[in-house]
PDB file of N, CA and C in Angstrom:
ATOM      1  N   MET A   1       0.861  -1.215  -0.126  1.00  0.00           N
ATOM      2  CA  MET A   1       0.001   0.167  -0.093  1.00  0.00           C
ATOM      3  C   MET A   1       0.722   1.277   0.259  1.00  0.00           C
ATOM      4  N   THR A   2       0.628   2.286  -0.874  1.00  0.00           N
ATOM      5  CA  THR A   2       1.333   3.455  -0.971  1.00  0.00           C
ATOM      6  C   THR A   2       0.800   4.523   0.307  1.00  0.00           C
ATOM      7  N   ILE A   3       1.856   4.943   1.010  1.00  0.00           N
ATOM      8  CA  ILE A   3       1.479   5.662   2.168  1.00  0.00           C
ATOM      9  C   ILE A   3       2.057   7.321   1.869  1.00  0.00           C
ATOM     10  N   VAL A   4       1.248   8.099   1.962  1.00  0.00           N
ATOM     11  CA  VAL A   4       1.927   9.514   1.485  1.00  0.00           C
ATOM     12  C   VAL A   4       1.437  10.529   2.548  1.00  0.00           C
ATOM     13  N   GLY A   5       2.429  11.313   2.896  1.00  0.00           N
ATOM     14  CA  GLY A   5       2.305  12.469   3.955  1.00  0.00           C
ATOM     15  C   GLY A   5       2.405  13.853   3.146  1.00  0.00           C
ATOM     16  N   VAL A   6       1.164  14.648   3.578  1.00  0.00           N
ATOM     17  CA  VAL A   6       1.397  15.732   2.684  1.00  0.00           C
ATOM     18  C   VAL A   6       1.057  16.925   3.618  1.00  0.00           C
ATOM     19  N   ASP A   7       1.816  18.274   3.214  1.00  0.00           N
ATOM     20  CA  ASP A   7       1.666  19.524   3.696  1.00  0.00           C
ATOM     21  C   ASP A   7       1.756  20.536   2.740  1.00  0.00           C
ATOM     22  N   GLY A   8       0.933  21.683   3.296  1.00  0.00           N
ATOM     23  CA  GLY A   8       0.909  22.808   2.411  1.00  0.00           C
ATOM     24  C   GLY A   8       2.376  23.482   2.305  1.00  0.00           C
ATOM     25  N   CYS A   9       2.880  24.212   1.000  1.00  0.00           N
ATOM     26  CA  CYS A   9       3.887  24.794   0.885  1.00  0.00           C
ATOM     27  C   CYS A   9       3.742  25.963   0.059  1.00  0.00           C
ATOM     28  N   LYS A  10       4.786  26.951  -0.008  1.00  0.00           N
ATOM     29  CA  LYS A  10       4.304  28.327  -0.918  1.00  0.00           C
ATOM     30  C   LYS A  10       4.114  27.747  -2.283  1.00  0.00           C
ATOM     31  N   ALA A  11       4.426  26.594  -2.787  1.00  0.00           N
ATOM     32  CA  ALA A  11       4.564  26.112  -4.186  1.00  0.00           C
ATOM     33  C   ALA A  11       3.290  25.393  -4.401  1.00  0.00           C
ATOM     34  N   GLY A  12       2.607  24.933  -3.223  1.00  0.00           N
ATOM     35  CA  GLY A  12       1.263  24.358  -3.229  1.00  0.00           C
ATOM     36  C   GLY A  12       1.123  23.366  -2.420  1.00  0.00           C
ATOM     37  N   TRP A  13       1.556  21.959  -2.835  1.00  0.00           N
ATOM     38  CA  TRP A  13       1.461  20.772  -1.800  1.00  0.00           C
ATOM     39  C   TRP A  13       2.773  20.107  -1.824  1.00  0.00           C
ATOM     40  N   ILE A  14       3.428  19.870  -0.638  1.00  0.00           N
ATOM     41  CA  ILE A  14       4.466  18.974  -0.761  1.00  0.00           C
ATOM     42  C   ILE A  14       4.091  17.634  -0.309  1.00  0.00           C
ATOM     43  N   ALA A  15       4.492  16.584  -0.852  1.00  0.00           N
ATOM     44  CA  ALA A  15       3.927  15.181  -0.292  1.00  0.00           C
ATOM     45  C   ALA A  15       5.488  14.146  -0.312  1.00  0.00           C
ATOM     46  N   VAL A  16       5.679  13.394   0.678  1.00  0.00           N
ATOM     47  CA  VAL A  16       6.470  12.264   0.864  1.00  0.00           C
ATOM     48  C   VAL A  16       5.837  10.976   0.616  1.00  0.00           C
ATOM     49  N   ARG A  17       6.262  10.386  -0.194  1.00  0.00           N
ATOM     50  CA  ARG A  17       5.530   8.892  -0.467  1.00  0.00           C
ATOM     51  C   ARG A  17       6.240   7.907  -0.185  1.00  0.00           C
ATOM     52  N   ARG A  18       5.533   6.715   0.211  1.00  0.00           N
ATOM     53  CA  ARG A  18       6.488   5.517   0.482  1.00  0.00           C
ATOM     54  C   ARG A  18       5.619   4.278  -0.111  1.00  0.00           C
ATOM     55  N   ASP A  19       6.130   3.612  -0.883  1.00  0.00           N
ATOM     56  CA  ASP A  19       5.277   2.515  -1.729  1.00  0.00           C
ATOM     57  C   ASP A  19       6.234   1.098  -1.181  1.00  0.00           C
ATOM     58  N   PRO A  20       5.650   0.215  -0.980  1.00  0.00           N
ATOM     59  CA  PRO A  20       6.253  -1.206  -0.513  1.00  0.00           C
ATOM     60  C   PRO A  20       7.552  -1.520  -1.159  1.00  0.00           C
ATOM     61  N   GLY A  21       8.716  -1.611  -0.540  1.00  0.00           N
ATOM     62  CA  GLY A  21       9.777  -1.723  -1.236  1.00  0.00           C
ATOM     63  C   GLY A  21      10.702  -1.061  -1.820  1.00  0.00           C
ATOM     64  N   ALA A  22      10.012   0.256  -1.708  1.00  0.00           N
ATOM     65  CA  ALA A  22      10.869   1.426  -2.319  1.00  0.00           C
ATOM     66  C   ALA A  22      11.258   2.496  -1.393  1.00  0.00           C
ATOM     67  N   ALA A  23      12.391   3.282  -1.378  1.00  0.00           N
ATOM     68  CA  ALA A  23      12.860   4.243  -0.729  1.00  0.00           C
ATOM     69  C   ALA A  23      11.757   5.368  -0.838  1.00  0.00           C
ATOM     70  N   PRO A  24      11.579   6.297   0.343  1.00  0.00           N
ATOM     71  CA  PRO A  24      10.611   7.402   0.270  1.00  0.00           C
ATOM     72  C   PRO A  24      11.233   8.188  -0.949  1.00  0.00           C
ATOM     73  N   SER A  25      10.091   8.927  -1.420  1.00  0.00           N
ATOM     74  CA  SER A  25      10.386  10.077  -2.366  1.00  0.00           C
ATOM     75  C   SER A  25       9.481  11.231  -2.090  1.00  0.00           C
ATOM     76  N   ALA A  26       9.791  12.346  -2.614  1.00  0.00           N
ATOM     77  CA  ALA A  26       9.480  13.696  -2.020  1.00  0.00           C
ATOM     78  C   ALA A  26       8.900  14.511  -3.589  1.00  0.00           C
ATOM     79  N   ALA A  27       7.961  14.964  -3.611  1.00  0.00           N
ATOM     80  CA  ALA A  27       7.565  15.810  -4.743  1.00  0.00           C
ATOM     81  C   ALA A  27       6.446  16.924  -4.331  1.00  0.00           C
ATOM     82  N   VAL A  28       6.574  18.199  -4.916  1.00  0.00           N
ATOM     83  CA  VAL A  28       5.830  19.289  -4.651  1.00  0.00           C
ATOM     84  C   VAL A  28       4.739  19.387  -5.958  1.00  0.00           C
ATOM     85  N   PHE A  29       3.527  19.454  -5.705  1.00  0.00           N
ATOM     86  CA  PHE A  29       2.395  19.767  -6.734  1.00  0.00           C
ATOM     87  C   PHE A  29       1.789  21.032  -6.216  1.00  0.00           C
ATOM     88  N   PRO A  30       1.496  21.612  -7.713  1.00  0.00           N
ATOM     89  CA  PRO A  30       0.728  22.803  -7.817  1.00  0.00           C
ATOM     90  C   PRO A  30      -0.748  22.819  -7.072  1.00  0.00           C
ATOM     91  N   SER A  31      -1.384  21.714  -7.137  1.00  0.00           N
ATOM     92  CA  SER A  31      -2.756  21.566  -6.475  1.00  0.00           C
ATOM     93  C   SER A  31      -2.751  20.305  -5.794  1.00  0.00           C
ATOM     94  N   PHE A  32      -3.947  20.465  -5.044  1.00  0.00           N
ATOM     95  CA  PHE A  32      -4.221  19.056  -4.214  1.00  0.00           C
ATOM     96  C   PHE A  32      -4.829  18.053  -5.329  1.00  0.00           C
ATOM     97  N   ALA A  33      -5.299  18.446  -6.191  1.00  0.00           N
ATOM     98  CA  ALA A  33      -6.188  17.413  -7.173  1.00  0.00           C
ATOM     99  C   ALA A  33      -4.977  16.974  -8.027  1.00  0.00           C
ATOM    100  N   ALA A  34      -3.864  17.849  -8.518  1.00  0.00           N
ATOM    101  CA  ALA A  34      -2.752  17.318  -9.165  1.00  0.00           C
ATOM    102  C   ALA A  34      -2.017  15.901  -8.354  1.00  0.00           C
ATOM    103  N   LEU A  35      -1.872  16.272  -7.012  1.00  0.00           N
ATOM    104  CA  LEU A  35      -1.240  15.576  -5.936  1.00  0.00           C
ATOM    105  C   LEU A  35      -1.903  14.087  -6.246  1.00  0.00           C
ATOM    106  N   LEU A  36      -3.234  14.223  -5.865  1.00  0.00           N
ATOM    107  CA  LEU A  36      -4.270  13.126  -6.011  1.00  0.00           C
ATOM    108  C   LEU A  36      -4.179  12.188  -7.410  1.00  0.00           C
ATOM    109  N   ASP A  37      -4.144  13.052  -8.290  1.00  0.00           N
ATOM    110  CA  ASP A  37      -4.122  12.340  -9.892  1.00  0.00           C
ATOM    111  C   ASP A  37      -2.677  11.460  -9.666  1.00  0.00           C
ATOM    112  N   ALA A  38      -1.715  11.719  -9.113  1.00  0.00           N
ATOM    113  CA  ALA A  38      -0.418  11.213  -9.164  1.00  0.00           C
ATOM    114  C   ALA A  38      -0.600  10.106  -8.343  1.00  0.00           C
ATOM    115  N   LEU A  39      -1.424   9.580  -7.487  1.00  0.00           N
ATOM    116  CA  LEU A  39      -1.442   8.503  -6.461  1.00  0.00           C
ATOM    117  C   LEU A  39      -2.348   7.439  -6.921  1.00  0.00           C
ATOM    118  N   PRO A  40      -2.073   6.074  -6.732  1.00  0.00           N
ATOM    119  CA  PRO A  40      -2.959   5.168  -7.051  1.00  0.00           C
ATOM    120  C   PRO A  40      -4.245   5.183  -6.246  1.00  0.00           C
ATOM    121  N   ALA A  41      -5.299   4.673  -6.478  1.00  0.00           N
ATOM    122  CA  ALA A  41      -6.698   4.942  -5.879  1.00  0.00           C
ATOM    123  C   ALA A  41      -6.787   4.357  -4.390  1.00  0.00           C
ATOM    124  N   ASP A  42      -5.935   3.325  -4.067  1.00  0.00           N
ATOM    125  CA  ASP A  42      -6.067   2.945  -2.724  1.00  0.00           C
ATOM    126  C   ASP A  42      -4.777   3.450  -1.748  1.00  0.00           C
ATOM    127  N   ALA A  43      -4.141   4.414  -2.073  1.00  0.00           N
ATOM    128  CA  ALA A  43      -3.080   5.349  -1.401  1.00  0.00           C
ATOM    129  C   ALA A  43      -3.642   5.746  -0.219  1.00  0.00           C
ATOM    130  N   THR A  44      -2.993   5.654   1.026  1.00  0.00           N
ATOM    131  CA  THR A  44      -3.538   6.219   2.278  1.00  0.00           C
ATOM    132  C   THR A  44      -2.556   7.588   2.248  1.00  0.00           C
ATOM    133  N   VAL A  45      -3.486   8.515   2.548  1.00  0.00           N
ATOM    134  CA  VAL A  45      -2.849  10.146   2.557  1.00  0.00           C
ATOM    135  C   VAL A  45      -3.424  10.688   3.605  1.00  0.00           C
ATOM    136  N   ALA A  46      -2.204  11.283   4.404  1.00  0.00           N
ATOM    137  CA  ALA A  46      -2.248  11.835   5.771  1.00  0.00           C
ATOM    138  C   ALA A  46      -1.904  13.115   5.590  1.00  0.00           C
ATOM    139  N   VAL A  47      -2.946  13.998   5.706  1.00  0.00           N
ATOM    140  CA  VAL A  47      -2.664  15.662   5.502  1.00  0.00           C
ATOM    141  C   VAL A  47      -2.571  16.647   6.759  1.00  0.00           C
ATOM    142  N   ASP A  48      -1.231  17.273   6.670  1.00  0.00           N
ATOM    143  CA  ASP A  48      -1.066  17.930   8.034  1.00  0.00           C
ATOM    144  C   ASP A  48      -1.848  19.374   8.137  1.00  0.00           C
ATOM    145  N   MET A  49      -2.653  19.309   8.972  1.00  0.00           N
ATOM    146  CA  MET A  49      -3.601  20.714   8.915  1.00  0.00           C
ATOM    147  C   MET A  49      -4.169  20.887  10.202  1.00  0.00           C
ATOM    148  N   PRO A  50      -4.481  22.002  10.661  1.00  0.00           N
ATOM    149  CA  PRO A  50      -4.990  22.131  12.156  1.00  0.00           C
ATOM    150  C   PRO A  50      -6.356  21.501  12.039  1.00  0.00           C
ATOM    151  N   ILE A  51      -6.697  20.842  13.318  1.00  0.00           N
ATOM    152  CA  ILE A  51      -8.173  20.286  13.420  1.00  0.00           C
ATOM    153  C   ILE A  51      -9.014  21.501  14.267  1.00  0.00           C
ATOM    154  N   GLY A  52      -9.776  22.067  13.325  1.00  0.00           N
ATOM    155  CA  GLY A  52     -10.369  23.326  13.981  1.00  0.00           C
ATOM    156  C   GLY A  52      -9.922  24.701  13.725  1.00  0.00           C
ATOM    157  N   LEU A  53     -10.724  25.576  14.020  1.00  0.00           N
ATOM    158  CA  LEU A  53     -10.111  26.969  13.842  1.00  0.00           C
ATOM    159  C   LEU A  53     -10.473  27.775  15.042  1.00  0.00           C
ATOM    160  N   PRO A  54      -9.473  28.441  15.593  1.00  0.00           N
ATOM    161  CA  PRO A  54      -9.807  29.314  16.839  1.00  0.00           C
ATOM    162  C   PRO A  54     -11.034  30.302  16.734  1.00  0.00           C
ATOM    163  N   ASP A  55     -11.450  30.604  17.639  1.00  0.00           N
ATOM    164  CA  ASP A  55     -12.655  31.680  17.645  1.00  0.00           C
ATOM    165  C   ASP A  55     -12.199  32.974  17.592  1.00  0.00           C
ATOM    166  N   VAL A  56     -10.792  33.200  18.091  1.00  0.00           N
ATOM    167  CA  VAL A  56     -10.607  34.446  18.207  1.00  0.00           C
ATOM    168  C   VAL A  56      -8.865  34.404  17.518  1.00  0.00           C
ATOM    169  N   SER A  57      -8.416  35.028  16.456  1.00  0.00           N
ATOM    170  CA  SER A  57      -7.116  34.919  15.885  1.00  0.00           C
ATOM    171  C   SER A  57      -6.302  35.948  16.855  1.00  0.00           C
ATOM    172  N   GLN A  58      -4.984  35.403  17.249  1.00  0.00           N
ATOM    173  CA  GLN A  58      -4.056  36.015  18.101  1.00  0.00           C
ATOM    174  C   GLN A  58      -2.820  36.400  17.252  1.00  0.00           C
ATOM    175  N   LYS A  59      -2.314  37.562  17.324  1.00  0.00           N
ATOM    176  CA  LYS A  59      -0.973  37.886  16.847  1.00  0.00           C
ATOM    177  C   LYS A  59       0.318  36.648  17.345  1.00  0.00           C
ATOM    178  N   GLY A  60       0.807  36.101  16.090  1.00  0.00           N
ATOM    179  CA  GLY A  60       1.907  35.352  16.947  1.00  0.00           C
ATOM    180  C   GLY A  60       1.379  33.764  16.286  1.00  0.00           C
ATOM    181  N   GLY A  61      -0.031  33.596  16.274  1.00  0.00           N
ATOM    182  CA  GLY A  61      -0.608  32.219  15.898  1.00  0.00           C
ATOM    183  C   GLY A  61      -0.965  31.624  17.322  1.00  0.00           C
ATOM    184  N   ARG A  62      -1.222  30.317  17.000  1.00  0.00           N
ATOM    185  CA  ARG A  62      -1.740  29.448  18.166  1.00  0.00           C
ATOM    186  C   ARG A  62      -0.635  29.578  19.240  1.00  0.00           C
ATOM    187  N   GLY A  63      -0.835  28.937  20.218  1.00  0.00           N
ATOM    188  CA  GLY A  63       0.171  28.915  21.459  1.00  0.00           C
ATOM    189  C   GLY A  63       1.622  28.073  21.124  1.00  0.00           C
ATOM    190  N   PRO A  64       1.334  26.921  20.523  1.00  0.00           N
ATOM    191  CA  PRO A  64       2.622  25.891  20.157  1.00  0.00           C
ATOM    192  C   PRO A  64       3.489  26.773  18.837  1.00  0.00           C
ATOM    193  N   GLU A  65       2.818  27.500  18.212  1.00  0.00           N
ATOM    194  CA  GLU A  65       3.304  27.932  17.021  1.00  0.00           C
ATOM    195  C   GLU A  65       4.023  29.270  17.496  1.00  0.00           C
ATOM    196  N   ALA A  66       3.519  30.119  18.593  1.00  0.00           N
ATOM    197  CA  ALA A  66       4.151  31.226  19.131  1.00  0.00           C
ATOM    198  C   ALA A  66       5.522  30.732  19.926  1.00  0.00           C
ATOM    199  N   LEU A  67       5.413  29.600  20.410  1.00  0.00           N
ATOM    200  CA  LEU A  67       6.553  29.180  21.254  1.00  0.00           C
ATOM    201  C   LEU A  67       7.540  28.802  20.321  1.00  0.00           C
ATOM    202  N   VAL A  68       7.289  28.054  19.275  1.00  0.00           N
ATOM    203  CA  VAL A  68       8.514  27.486  18.280  1.00  0.00           C
ATOM    204  C   VAL A  68       9.027  28.432  17.406  1.00  0.00           C
ATOM    205  N   ARG A  69       8.434  29.714  17.223  1.00  0.00           N
ATOM    206  CA  ARG A  69       8.753  30.570  15.963  1.00  0.00           C
ATOM    207  C   ARG A  69      10.284  30.882  16.394  1.00  0.00           C
ATOM    208  N   PRO A  70      10.403  31.505  17.532  1.00  0.00           N
ATOM    209  CA  PRO A  70      11.879  32.073  17.869  1.00  0.00           C
ATOM    210  C   PRO A  70      12.855  31.213  17.440  1.00  0.00           C
ATOM    211  N   LEU A  71      12.755  29.756  17.725  1.00  0.00           N
ATOM    212  CA  LEU A  71      13.577  28.806  17.491  1.00  0.00           C
ATOM    213  C   LEU A  71      13.825  28.545  16.120  1.00  0.00           C
ATOM    214  N   LEU A  72      12.708  29.010  15.050  1.00  0.00           N
ATOM    215  CA  LEU A  72      12.971  28.519  13.606  1.00  0.00           C
ATOM    216  C   LEU A  72      13.706  29.635  13.183  1.00  0.00           C
ATOM    217  N   GLY A  73      13.691  30.882  13.337  1.00  0.00           N
ATOM    218  CA  GLY A  73      14.539  31.853  12.612  1.00  0.00           C
ATOM    219  C   GLY A  73      13.806  32.380  11.500  1.00  0.00           C
ATOM    220  N   ASN A  74      14.487  33.214  10.775  1.00  0.00           N
ATOM    221  CA  ASN A  74      13.667  33.827   9.634  1.00  0.00           C
ATOM    222  C   ASN A  74      13.533  32.584   8.484  1.00  0.00           C
ATOM    223  N   ARG A  75      12.584  33.197   7.603  1.00  0.00           N
ATOM    224  CA  ARG A  75      12.353  32.025   6.577  1.00  0.00           C
ATOM    225  C   ARG A  75      13.105  32.649   5.320  1.00  0.00           C
TER     226      ARG A  75
END
């Protein structure tokens, strides 16, 4: 079974794919539809995204994001 981890990026979507017996591979897709078109129908896809949205937006993002941002440095 093909397993894929997906996250949004400036260029669209980045995916890391693992097929049985093969080394992992990474690719960037301009749209989520293009990503899905490149996968077998039975692939398991895990998408990194927040579960729910906060009622109030705070400067600096959610708590965990605000804590880690100083450690990441400038983009």
